Amino acid sequence: MRLCYDPADDVLVLDLELPGQLARASAPPIAHARGLLDVTERGSLAGLEISLTDLPPALAELCRALAADDEVTYIEIERVAAARSLRTVTVPIMFRWDGDQGRLSLRIPRRTADYELLYPVGAT
């Protein structure tokens, strides 16, 4: 997993490498959904929760490889040792699937009318 900032589109990009057996899987190249982004009291990005029921079926199947349950996946961005409090913000996510590379990219706007992430700090 790799997290970076794309200044051209003003988005955070989370690249996920999926298991080899899924690399050639068929999924829509681009899809949109919403997720819940957790931010620690220090302002770092803790994780992203995605409801698999909101995704196109083929993309949901890919994401199940990352999930411990059939309805929701939680992608841990930074391991947090007993955070006293997490702030959670609903974020739009654009998914880009590259089957040749076996890479799923999640693109999250750094700011909307509802929030602004001060990346790399993560404060909202």
C-alpha atoms as a PDB file:
ATOM      1  CA  MET A   1       0.000   0.000   0.000  1.00  0.00           C
ATOM      2  CA  ARG A   2       1.184   3.473  -0.849  1.00  0.00           C
ATOM      3  CA  LEU A   3      -0.381   6.817   0.053  1.00  0.00           C
ATOM      4  CA  CYS A   4       0.583   9.926  -1.881  1.00  0.00           C
ATOM      5  CA  TYR A   5      -0.768  13.299  -2.937  1.00  0.00           C
ATOM      6  CA  ASP A   6      -1.621  14.165  -6.547  1.00  0.00           C
ATOM      7  CA  PRO A   7      -1.390  17.977  -6.739  1.00  0.00           C
ATOM      8  CA  ALA A   8      -2.733  18.099 -10.300  1.00  0.00           C
ATOM      9  CA  ASP A   9      -6.117  16.754  -9.143  1.00  0.00           C
ATOM     10  CA  ASP A  10      -5.797  17.798  -5.452  1.00  0.00           C
ATOM     11  CA  VAL A  11      -6.515  14.245  -4.288  1.00  0.00           C
ATOM     12  CA  LEU A  12      -4.950  11.710  -1.948  1.00  0.00           C
ATOM     13  CA  VAL A  13      -4.155   8.486  -3.790  1.00  0.00           C
ATOM     14  CA  LEU A  14      -4.091   5.179  -1.942  1.00  0.00           C
ATOM     15  CA  ASP A  15      -2.624   2.427  -4.149  1.00  0.00           C
ATOM     16  CA  LEU A  16      -3.371  -1.135  -3.093  1.00  0.00           C
ATOM     17  CA  GLU A  17      -1.612  -4.154  -4.550  1.00  0.00           C
ATOM     18  CA  LEU A  18      -4.042  -7.060  -4.672  1.00  0.00           C
ATOM     19  CA  PRO A  19      -3.137 -10.751  -4.413  1.00  0.00           C
ATOM     20  CA  GLY A  20      -1.687 -12.296  -7.579  1.00  0.00           C
ATOM     21  CA  GLN A  21      -4.696 -14.498  -8.274  1.00  0.00           C
ATOM     22  CA  LEU A  22      -6.834 -11.352  -8.565  1.00  0.00           C
ATOM     23  CA  ALA A  23      -4.457  -9.433 -10.812  1.00  0.00           C
ATOM     24  CA  ARG A  24      -6.279 -10.376 -13.997  1.00  0.00           C
ATOM     25  CA  ALA A  25      -9.750 -10.107 -12.493  1.00  0.00           C
ATOM     26  CA  SER A  26     -12.348  -8.172 -14.400  1.00  0.00           C
ATOM     27  CA  ALA A  27     -13.754  -5.068 -12.746  1.00  0.00           C
ATOM     28  CA  PRO A  28     -14.981  -1.683 -13.912  1.00  0.00           C
ATOM     29  CA  PRO A  29     -11.959   0.533 -14.636  1.00  0.00           C
ATOM     30  CA  ILE A  30     -13.550   3.428 -12.726  1.00  0.00           C
ATOM     31  CA  ALA A  31     -16.256   3.472 -10.054  1.00  0.00           C
ATOM     32  CA  HIS A  32     -17.427   5.903  -7.371  1.00  0.00           C
ATOM     33  CA  ALA A  33     -18.573   5.358  -3.788  1.00  0.00           C
ATOM     34  CA  ARG A  34     -18.392   6.942  -0.347  1.00  0.00           C
ATOM     35  CA  GLY A  35     -16.318   5.847   2.609  1.00  0.00           C
ATOM     36  CA  LEU A  36     -15.541   6.780   6.195  1.00  0.00           C
ATOM     37  CA  LEU A  37     -12.059   8.187   6.776  1.00  0.00           C
ATOM     38  CA  ASP A  38     -10.718   7.990  10.347  1.00  0.00           C
ATOM     39  CA  VAL A  39      -8.351  10.739  11.516  1.00  0.00           C
ATOM     40  CA  THR A  40      -6.489  10.498  14.843  1.00  0.00           C
ATOM     41  CA  GLU A  41      -6.317  13.236  17.474  1.00  0.00           C
ATOM     42  CA  ARG A  42      -2.776  13.968  16.182  1.00  0.00           C
ATOM     43  CA  GLY A  43      -4.181  14.511  12.694  1.00  0.00           C
ATOM     44  CA  SER A  44      -2.788  11.404  10.981  1.00  0.00           C
ATOM     45  CA  LEU A  45      -4.929   9.259   8.689  1.00  0.00           C
ATOM     46  CA  ALA A  46      -5.780   6.027  10.519  1.00  0.00           C
ATOM     47  CA  GLY A  47      -7.945   4.127   8.076  1.00  0.00           C
ATOM     48  CA  LEU A  48     -10.729   4.026   5.532  1.00  0.00           C
ATOM     49  CA  GLU A  49     -13.958   2.034   5.828  1.00  0.00           C
ATOM     50  CA  ILE A  50     -15.783   1.115   2.628  1.00  0.00           C
ATOM     51  CA  SER A  51     -19.181  -0.524   2.347  1.00  0.00           C
ATOM     52  CA  LEU A  52     -18.859  -3.294  -0.248  1.00  0.00           C
ATOM     53  CA  THR A  53     -22.600  -3.198  -0.916  1.00  0.00           C
ATOM     54  CA  ASP A  54     -22.153   0.282  -2.451  1.00  0.00           C
ATOM     55  CA  LEU A  55     -19.701  -0.981  -5.090  1.00  0.00           C
ATOM     56  CA  PRO A  56     -20.345  -2.588  -8.478  1.00  0.00           C
ATOM     57  CA  PRO A  57     -20.343  -6.397  -7.955  1.00  0.00           C
ATOM     58  CA  ALA A  58     -17.014  -7.078  -9.723  1.00  0.00           C
ATOM     59  CA  LEU A  59     -15.250  -4.320  -7.763  1.00  0.00           C
ATOM     60  CA  ALA A  60     -16.825  -5.492  -4.499  1.00  0.00           C
ATOM     61  CA  GLU A  61     -15.443  -8.964  -5.205  1.00  0.00           C
ATOM     62  CA  LEU A  62     -11.925  -7.527  -5.591  1.00  0.00           C
ATOM     63  CA  CYS A  63     -12.255  -5.574  -2.349  1.00  0.00           C
ATOM     64  CA  ARG A  64     -13.382  -8.677  -0.468  1.00  0.00           C
ATOM     65  CA  ALA A  65      -9.749  -9.835  -0.713  1.00  0.00           C
ATOM     66  CA  LEU A  66      -8.989  -6.984   1.727  1.00  0.00           C
ATOM     67  CA  ALA A  67     -12.005  -7.571   3.965  1.00  0.00           C
ATOM     68  CA  ALA A  68     -12.616  -9.639   7.042  1.00  0.00           C
ATOM     69  CA  ASP A  69     -16.340  -9.506   6.369  1.00  0.00           C
ATOM     70  CA  ASP A  70     -18.617  -9.608   3.335  1.00  0.00           C
ATOM     71  CA  GLU A  71     -20.188  -6.181   3.733  1.00  0.00           C
ATOM     72  CA  VAL A  72     -17.420  -3.804   4.845  1.00  0.00           C
ATOM     73  CA  THR A  73     -13.676  -3.505   4.376  1.00  0.00           C
ATOM     74  CA  TYR A  74     -11.391  -1.420   6.570  1.00  0.00           C
ATOM     75  CA  ILE A  75      -8.074  -0.360   5.091  1.00  0.00           C
ATOM     76  CA  GLU A  76      -5.590   0.551   7.801  1.00  0.00           C
ATOM     77  CA  ILE A  77      -3.481   3.467   6.557  1.00  0.00           C
ATOM     78  CA  GLU A  78      -1.431   4.006   9.713  1.00  0.00           C
ATOM     79  CA  ARG A  79      -1.259   1.688  12.698  1.00  0.00           C
ATOM     80  CA  VAL A  80      -2.618   3.608  15.657  1.00  0.00           C
ATOM     81  CA  ALA A  81      -1.722   2.585  19.199  1.00  0.00           C
ATOM     82  CA  ALA A  82      -4.860   3.074  21.295  1.00  0.00           C
ATOM     83  CA  ALA A  83      -6.040   6.397  19.944  1.00  0.00           C
ATOM     84  CA  ARG A  84      -8.124   8.168  22.541  1.00  0.00           C
ATOM     85  CA  SER A  85     -10.388   9.575  19.902  1.00  0.00           C
ATOM     86  CA  LEU A  86     -10.844   9.318  16.176  1.00  0.00           C
ATOM     87  CA  ARG A  87     -12.645  11.831  14.038  1.00  0.00           C
ATOM     88  CA  THR A  88     -14.532  10.294  11.156  1.00  0.00           C
ATOM     89  CA  VAL A  89     -15.464  12.097   7.971  1.00  0.00           C
ATOM     90  CA  THR A  90     -17.508  10.804   5.041  1.00  0.00           C
ATOM     91  CA  VAL A  91     -15.442  11.080   1.869  1.00  0.00           C
ATOM     92  CA  PRO A  92     -16.161  10.451  -1.810  1.00  0.00           C
ATOM     93  CA  ILE A  93     -13.871   7.815  -3.326  1.00  0.00           C
ATOM     94  CA  MET A  94     -13.044   7.244  -6.961  1.00  0.00           C
ATOM     95  CA  PHE A  95     -11.768   3.727  -7.610  1.00  0.00           C
ATOM     96  CA  ARG A  96      -9.429   3.008 -10.528  1.00  0.00           C
ATOM     97  CA  TRP A  97      -8.677  -0.620 -11.311  1.00  0.00           C
ATOM     98  CA  ASP A  98      -5.606  -1.614 -13.325  1.00  0.00           C
ATOM     99  CA  GLY A  99      -5.946  -5.348 -13.931  1.00  0.00           C
ATOM    100  CA  ASP A 100      -2.614  -5.582 -15.754  1.00  0.00           C
ATOM    101  CA  GLN A 101      -0.769  -4.306 -12.675  1.00  0.00           C
ATOM    102  CA  GLY A 102      -3.116  -5.836 -10.103  1.00  0.00           C
ATOM    103  CA  ARG A 103      -3.451  -2.378  -8.573  1.00  0.00           C
ATOM    104  CA  LEU A 104      -6.518  -0.730  -7.142  1.00  0.00           C
ATOM    105  CA  SER A 105      -6.173   3.042  -6.672  1.00  0.00           C
ATOM    106  CA  LEU A 106      -8.511   4.910  -4.362  1.00  0.00           C
ATOM    107  CA  ARG A 107      -8.625   8.650  -5.006  1.00  0.00           C
ATOM    108  CA  ILE A 108      -9.992  10.862  -2.215  1.00  0.00           C
ATOM    109  CA  PRO A 109     -10.460  14.618  -2.734  1.00  0.00           C
ATOM    110  CA  ARG A 110      -8.375  16.636  -0.307  1.00  0.00           C
ATOM    111  CA  ARG A 111     -11.224  19.096   0.108  1.00  0.00           C
ATOM    112  CA  THR A 112     -14.959  19.304  -0.535  1.00  0.00           C
ATOM    113  CA  ALA A 113     -17.692  21.618   0.747  1.00  0.00           C
ATOM    114  CA  ASP A 114     -17.879  19.378   3.856  1.00  0.00           C
ATOM    115  CA  TYR A 115     -14.222  18.921   4.843  1.00  0.00           C
ATOM    116  CA  GLU A 116     -10.579  19.717   4.105  1.00  0.00           C
ATOM    117  CA  LEU A 117      -7.672  17.360   4.779  1.00  0.00           C
ATOM    118  CA  LEU A 118      -4.411  19.091   5.550  1.00  0.00           C
ATOM    119  CA  TYR A 119      -2.293  16.315   4.068  1.00  0.00           C
ATOM    120  CA  PRO A 120       0.178  14.994   5.086  1.00  0.00           C
ATOM    121  CA  VAL A 121      -0.926  15.948   8.592  1.00  0.00           C
ATOM    122  CA  GLY A 122      -4.463  14.656   8.046  1.00  0.00           C
ATOM    123  CA  ALA A 123      -6.272  17.239  10.180  1.00  0.00           C
ATOM    124  CA  THR A 124      -9.858  17.942   9.138  1.00  0.00           C
END
